[in-house]
Protein backbone atom coordinates (compact mmCIF):
# COMPACT_ATOMS: atom_id res chain seq x y z
CA UNK A 1 88.44 113.15 88.03
CA UNK A 2 88.81 111.40 84.68
CA UNK A 3 92.34 112.57 83.96
CA UNK A 4 93.56 110.22 86.72
CA UNK A 5 92.16 107.27 84.71
CA UNK A 6 92.69 108.09 81.01
CA UNK A 7 92.12 104.52 79.76
CA UNK A 8 88.95 103.75 81.77
CA UNK A 9 86.20 102.35 79.53
CA UNK A 10 83.61 101.03 82.03
CA UNK A 11 82.68 102.89 85.21
CA UNK A 12 80.41 101.24 87.78
CA UNK A 13 79.48 103.56 90.63
CA UNK A 14 76.01 102.29 91.62
CA UNK A 15 74.51 102.61 95.13
CA UNK A 16 77.04 105.23 96.12
CA UNK A 17 76.99 108.84 97.33
CA UNK A 18 76.85 110.33 93.83
CA UNK A 19 74.03 112.88 93.63
CA UNK A 20 74.58 114.37 90.16
CA UNK A 21 77.04 114.48 87.28
CA UNK A 22 77.39 116.52 84.12
CA UNK A 23 78.94 116.73 80.67
CA UNK A 24 82.31 117.96 81.97
CA UNK A 25 82.55 114.99 84.37
CA UNK A 26 82.08 112.47 81.54
CA UNK A 27 84.31 114.32 79.06
CA UNK A 28 87.23 114.07 81.48
CA UNK A 29 87.11 110.27 80.95
CA UNK A 30 88.46 110.24 77.40
CA UNK A 31 87.76 106.57 76.58
CA UNK A 32 84.65 105.96 78.73
CA UNK A 33 82.03 103.91 76.90
CA UNK A 34 79.78 102.35 79.55
CA UNK A 35 78.44 103.97 82.70
CA UNK A 36 76.52 102.34 85.53
CA UNK A 37 75.61 105.06 88.04
CA UNK A 38 72.05 104.12 89.00
CA UNK A 39 70.58 103.59 92.49
CA UNK A 40 72.19 106.79 93.76
CA UNK A 41 70.33 109.59 95.56
CA UNK A 42 70.16 112.08 92.71
CA UNK A 43 69.38 115.76 93.18
CA UNK A 44 67.09 116.51 90.25
CA UNK A 45 68.19 120.06 89.47
CA UNK A 46 67.30 121.71 86.18
CA UNK A 47 70.82 121.27 84.85
CA UNK A 48 71.10 117.58 85.78
CA UNK A 49 67.65 116.67 84.43
CA UNK A 50 68.31 118.51 81.14
CA UNK A 51 71.72 116.84 80.79
CA UNK A 52 70.35 113.38 81.59
CA UNK A 53 67.35 113.64 79.26
CA UNK A 54 69.14 115.11 76.23
CA UNK A 55 72.93 114.83 76.28
CA UNK A 56 73.40 111.36 77.75
CA UNK A 57 70.91 109.67 75.43
CA UNK A 58 72.64 110.93 72.30
CA UNK A 59 76.21 110.86 73.60
CA UNK A 60 79.13 108.47 73.33
CA UNK A 61 78.65 107.05 76.84
CA UNK A 62 75.97 104.37 77.23
CA UNK A 63 73.98 103.79 80.43
CA UNK A 64 74.21 100.02 80.65
CA UNK A 65 72.20 99.70 83.88
CA UNK A 66 69.02 101.21 82.36
CA UNK A 67 67.38 104.60 82.84
CA UNK A 68 64.86 103.22 85.34
CA UNK A 69 67.57 102.88 88.00
CA UNK A 70 68.16 106.67 87.99
CA UNK A 71 65.68 107.97 90.58
CA UNK A 72 65.29 111.45 92.08
CA UNK A 73 65.86 111.77 95.81
CA UNK A 74 65.33 115.52 96.02
CA UNK A 75 63.63 117.96 95.83
CA UNK A 76 60.91 116.44 97.96
CA UNK A 77 58.08 116.79 95.41
CA UNK A 78 60.13 114.77 92.86
CA UNK A 79 61.20 112.04 95.24
CA UNK A 80 60.96 108.51 93.75
CA UNK A 81 60.40 109.93 90.23
CA UNK A 82 62.61 108.50 87.43
CA UNK A 83 65.03 111.21 86.23
CA UNK A 84 64.13 110.47 82.60
CA UNK A 85 60.44 111.25 83.22
CA UNK A 86 60.78 114.44 85.26
CA UNK A 87 59.29 117.61 83.73
CA UNK A 88 60.39 120.83 85.40
CA UNK A 89 58.44 124.02 84.74
CA UNK A 90 59.80 127.43 83.71
CA UNK A 91 59.10 128.67 87.25
CA UNK A 92 61.33 125.88 88.64
CA UNK A 93 64.26 126.39 86.28
CA UNK A 94 64.17 130.10 85.45
CA UNK A 95 63.22 131.90 88.68
CA UNK A 96 64.51 135.34 87.62
CA UNK A 97 62.81 135.20 84.22
CA UNK A 98 59.54 133.97 85.74
CA UNK A 99 59.51 136.69 88.45
CA UNK A 100 60.45 139.36 85.88
CA UNK A 101 57.64 138.36 83.54
CA UNK A 102 55.12 138.23 86.41
CA UNK A 103 56.20 141.68 87.66
CA UNK A 104 55.98 143.05 84.13
CA UNK A 105 52.46 141.69 83.66
CA UNK A 106 51.33 143.06 87.05
CA UNK A 107 52.83 146.48 86.24
CA UNK A 108 51.17 146.52 82.82
CA UNK A 109 47.77 145.59 84.30
CA UNK A 110 48.18 148.25 87.04
CA UNK A 111 48.98 150.96 84.46
CA UNK A 112 46.08 149.83 82.28
CA UNK A 113 43.74 149.88 85.28
CA UNK A 114 45.00 153.33 86.32
CA UNK A 115 44.33 154.73 82.82
CA UNK A 116 40.88 153.12 82.79
CA UNK A 117 40.00 154.57 86.21
CA UNK A 118 41.22 158.00 85.11
CA UNK A 119 39.18 157.88 81.89
CA UNK A 120 36.03 156.84 83.75
CA UNK A 121 36.47 159.63 86.36
CA UNK A 122 36.50 157.08 89.18
CA UNK A 123 38.47 159.45 91.42
CA UNK A 124 35.68 162.02 91.08
CA UNK A 125 33.10 159.41 92.11
CA UNK A 126 35.24 158.47 95.12
CA UNK A 127 35.44 162.14 96.13
CA UNK A 128 31.66 162.51 95.77
CA UNK A 129 31.13 159.39 97.90
CA UNK A 130 33.44 160.84 100.55
CA UNK A 131 31.54 164.14 100.47
CA UNK A 132 28.25 162.24 100.80
CA UNK A 133 29.56 160.26 103.78
CA UNK A 134 30.72 163.50 105.43
CA UNK A 135 27.28 164.99 104.85
CA UNK A 136 25.61 161.93 106.43
CA UNK A 137 27.91 162.22 109.45
CA UNK A 138 27.17 165.92 109.82
CA UNK A 139 23.44 165.19 109.58
CA UNK A 140 23.60 162.64 112.40
CA UNK A 141 25.56 165.09 114.53
CA UNK A 142 23.00 167.85 113.95
CA UNK A 143 20.11 165.48 114.65
CA UNK A 144 21.68 164.55 117.99
CA UNK A 145 22.08 168.25 118.80
CA UNK A 146 18.42 168.92 117.93
CA UNK A 147 17.27 165.96 120.01
CA UNK A 148 19.24 167.29 122.98
CA UNK A 149 17.66 170.71 122.53
CA UNK A 150 14.21 169.17 122.18
CA UNK A 151 13.70 170.29 118.62
CA UNK A 152 12.25 167.92 116.11
CA UNK A 153 12.45 168.57 112.42
CA UNK A 154 10.25 166.98 109.79
CA UNK A 155 12.86 167.50 107.09
CA UNK A 156 16.29 165.89 107.05
CA UNK A 157 17.89 168.60 104.90
CA UNK A 158 17.39 172.32 104.37
CA UNK A 159 18.63 172.35 100.79
CA UNK A 160 19.92 170.15 97.99
CA UNK A 161 22.88 171.38 95.93
CA UNK A 162 23.26 170.06 92.41
CA UNK A 163 26.41 171.07 90.58
CA UNK A 164 28.68 170.25 87.66
CA UNK A 165 31.99 168.46 88.03
CA UNK A 166 33.77 171.65 86.91
CA UNK A 167 32.28 173.47 89.93
CA UNK A 168 33.09 170.71 92.43
CA UNK A 169 36.11 172.48 93.92
CA UNK A 170 34.22 175.73 94.57
CA UNK A 171 31.14 173.92 95.95
CA UNK A 172 33.12 171.67 98.31
CA UNK A 173 35.68 174.23 99.46
CA UNK A 174 33.58 177.40 99.64
CA UNK A 175 29.80 176.95 99.35
CA UNK A 176 29.29 173.93 101.62
CA UNK A 177 31.52 175.21 104.48
CA UNK A 178 29.93 178.68 104.17
CA UNK A 179 26.36 177.37 104.47
CA UNK A 180 26.85 174.42 106.82
CA UNK A 181 29.43 175.92 109.15
CA UNK A 182 29.23 179.76 109.09
CA UNK A 183 32.11 181.64 110.68
CA UNK A 184 31.56 182.94 114.21
CA UNK A 185 32.77 186.47 113.38
CA UNK A 186 30.26 186.87 110.55
CA UNK A 187 27.44 189.24 111.70
CA UNK A 188 24.80 187.67 109.44
CA UNK A 189 25.55 184.12 110.71
CA UNK A 190 24.79 185.10 114.31
CA UNK A 191 21.04 185.30 113.59
CA UNK A 192 20.87 182.21 111.34
CA UNK A 193 21.44 178.59 112.24
CA UNK A 194 23.66 176.50 109.88
CA UNK A 195 21.93 174.84 106.96
CA UNK A 196 21.92 171.09 106.35
CA UNK A 197 22.74 170.36 102.73
């Protein structure tokens, strides 16, 4: 601490175990003019790099051993880089801000995509595709039943139902089940086989 040495003007602490220093460390040395702290294993954190590149160059304390002797030792991707030439990104120095902005952008895109899908009736198309796949599966099942019974049909379907989107609920929930899978207790359905739609 500088208050132990109030009259110190030159500090030489090269090739030591110093890994970073800041404004408060230098301000505690009231009369410090020259600093030689190079050839240490510096941790190039955002705070240290910002301090070294801006505050030290314009401050009262001069680095008399040259900026080139201040080399990063960690993090690993900055190893052997001069502290004065390190450029840290926003993602490196402002994790919370970076993650917040990314989450905000993803949320905005998701909402925009949801509105777009809703406006283009994509859910309706997905439901129709599901209904079509169910119809294909039912067709294969009926064809296997006919093959087992020895019946061969020239036509794949008995009828084709075309309907409006407004009628989709009634068609899917009432008409299709009524024609393709008639109830066993219905007297009329006993004499008629189910239709393939």
